[in-house]
Protein backbone atom coordinates (compact mmCIF):
# COMPACT_ATOMS: atom_id res chain seq x y z
CA MET A 1 20.47 27.78 -42.94
CA ILE A 2 19.12 31.29 -43.49
CA ARG A 3 18.27 31.50 -39.77
CA ILE A 4 21.89 30.84 -38.92
CA LEU A 5 23.07 33.39 -41.47
CA THR A 6 20.59 35.94 -40.19
CA THR A 7 21.87 35.47 -36.69
CA ILE A 8 25.44 35.98 -37.85
CA ALA A 9 24.58 39.02 -39.97
CA LEU A 10 22.71 40.79 -37.22
CA SER A 11 24.50 39.47 -34.13
CA ALA A 12 26.56 42.58 -33.46
CA LEU A 13 23.57 44.84 -33.86
CA LEU A 14 21.23 42.67 -31.84
CA ALA A 15 23.53 41.80 -28.94
CA GLY A 16 21.80 42.55 -25.69
CA THR A 17 18.55 43.72 -27.26
CA PRO A 18 15.65 43.57 -24.82
CA ALA A 19 12.83 41.42 -26.16
CA LEU A 20 10.15 43.96 -25.26
CA ALA A 21 11.70 47.09 -26.77
CA GLN A 22 8.86 49.13 -28.23
CA PRO A 23 8.90 52.04 -30.68
CA ALA A 24 8.23 55.50 -29.25
CA GLN A 25 5.42 55.82 -31.79
CA PRO A 26 3.83 53.42 -34.26
CA LEU A 27 5.99 52.68 -37.27
CA SER A 28 4.80 53.96 -40.62
CA LEU A 29 4.73 51.73 -43.67
CA GLU A 30 7.85 53.54 -44.88
CA HIS A 31 9.70 52.79 -41.64
CA ARG A 32 8.61 49.14 -41.59
CA THR A 33 9.71 48.78 -45.20
CA ALA A 34 13.10 50.34 -44.48
CA LEU A 35 13.65 47.91 -41.63
CA ARG A 36 12.47 44.92 -43.66
CA CYS A 37 14.78 45.82 -46.54
CA SER A 38 17.64 46.40 -44.10
CA ALA A 39 17.15 42.89 -42.75
CA ALA A 40 16.88 41.47 -46.28
CA PHE A 41 20.11 43.18 -47.35
CA ALA A 42 21.93 41.86 -44.27
CA ILE A 43 20.77 38.32 -45.04
CA VAL A 44 21.73 38.58 -48.72
CA ALA A 45 25.14 40.08 -47.86
CA THR A 46 25.81 37.17 -45.53
CA LEU A 47 24.69 34.65 -48.13
CA GLN A 48 26.96 36.30 -50.68
CA GLN A 49 29.87 36.16 -48.27
CA GLN A 50 29.20 32.42 -48.06
CA GLY A 51 29.21 32.15 -51.87
CA GLY A 52 25.45 32.21 -52.46
CA ALA A 53 22.77 34.72 -53.50
CA LYS A 54 24.62 35.45 -56.72
CA GLU A 55 21.38 36.41 -58.43
CA TYR A 56 21.46 39.72 -56.52
CA PRO A 57 23.87 42.64 -56.89
CA ALA A 58 26.67 42.78 -54.33
CA MET A 59 25.25 43.89 -50.99
CA ALA A 60 28.40 44.20 -48.87
CA GLU A 61 28.83 47.94 -49.38
CA ARG A 62 25.57 49.36 -50.73
CA GLY A 63 23.37 47.14 -48.58
CA ARG A 64 25.34 48.04 -45.46
CA GLU A 65 25.13 51.76 -46.23
CA TYR A 66 21.37 51.49 -46.81
CA PHE A 67 21.09 49.55 -43.53
CA VAL A 68 22.94 52.25 -41.58
CA ARG A 69 21.11 55.21 -43.12
CA ALA A 70 17.67 53.63 -42.97
CA ASN A 71 18.05 52.63 -39.34
CA ALA A 72 19.38 56.04 -38.36
CA ARG A 73 16.43 57.66 -40.13
CA VAL A 74 13.96 55.39 -38.34
CA MET A 75 15.52 56.27 -34.98
CA GLU A 76 15.48 59.97 -35.76
CA GLU A 77 11.93 60.11 -37.12
CA THR A 78 10.28 57.82 -34.55
CA GLY A 79 12.28 58.47 -31.40
CA MET A 80 13.14 54.78 -31.13
CA ASP A 81 16.42 53.94 -29.46
CA ARG A 82 18.94 51.47 -30.82
CA ALA A 83 17.50 48.62 -28.73
CA ALA A 84 14.00 49.18 -30.12
CA VAL A 85 15.26 49.32 -33.70
CA SER A 86 17.29 46.16 -33.09
CA ALA A 87 14.20 44.37 -31.81
CA GLN A 88 12.25 45.39 -34.90
CA LEU A 89 15.12 44.28 -37.17
CA LYS A 90 15.31 40.95 -35.38
CA ALA A 91 11.60 40.38 -35.95
CA GLU A 92 11.93 41.25 -39.64
CA ALA A 93 14.97 38.99 -40.06
CA GLN A 94 13.22 36.10 -38.35
CA ASP A 95 10.20 36.52 -40.58
CA LEU A 96 12.33 36.55 -43.73
CA ALA A 97 14.44 33.64 -42.54
CA GLY A 98 11.36 31.59 -41.68
CA ASP A 99 10.56 31.11 -45.36
CA PRO A 100 13.21 31.59 -48.09
CA ALA A 101 10.44 32.48 -50.55
CA ARG A 102 9.74 35.61 -48.47
CA LEU A 103 13.26 36.86 -49.02
CA GLU A 104 12.91 36.26 -52.75
CA ALA A 105 9.56 38.04 -52.72
CA VAL A 106 10.80 41.22 -51.01
CA MET A 107 14.14 41.63 -52.78
CA PRO A 108 12.82 43.15 -56.04
CA ALA A 109 11.06 45.99 -54.18
CA CYS A 110 14.01 46.40 -51.80
CA LEU A 111 16.41 46.66 -54.73
CA LEU A 112 14.21 49.37 -56.24
CA LEU A 113 14.39 51.26 -52.93
CA LEU A 114 18.14 50.82 -52.82
CA ASN A 115 18.54 52.11 -56.36
CA SER A 116 16.25 55.07 -55.76
CA SER A 117 18.11 55.95 -52.54
CA GLY A 118 21.16 57.04 -54.51
CA ILE A 119 23.45 54.78 -52.50
């Protein structure tokens, strides 16, 4: 079910993404974390839209804003284009959707990042 929701949540962003899009430079831990949390927030926002994931704060607005800012920052700091960022996001979303416990495991740290971001 989470795989379907992930696909829906990221479909507009991932449409037409080449499978082999590579970053212009290796991603730092900070960049990988930003992308992983972006994917987690998209999944949670979709689950909340479906009536689930009520244990988390609302993600529709704050999660989306984090998603946009974090992805723009990754593009700016790494030189990655939108297709490369989309490919990385797709990989993160697939990893999180592959095991629901992974989403639960990353959300506490992602929520801390969201709160510290000032969004």
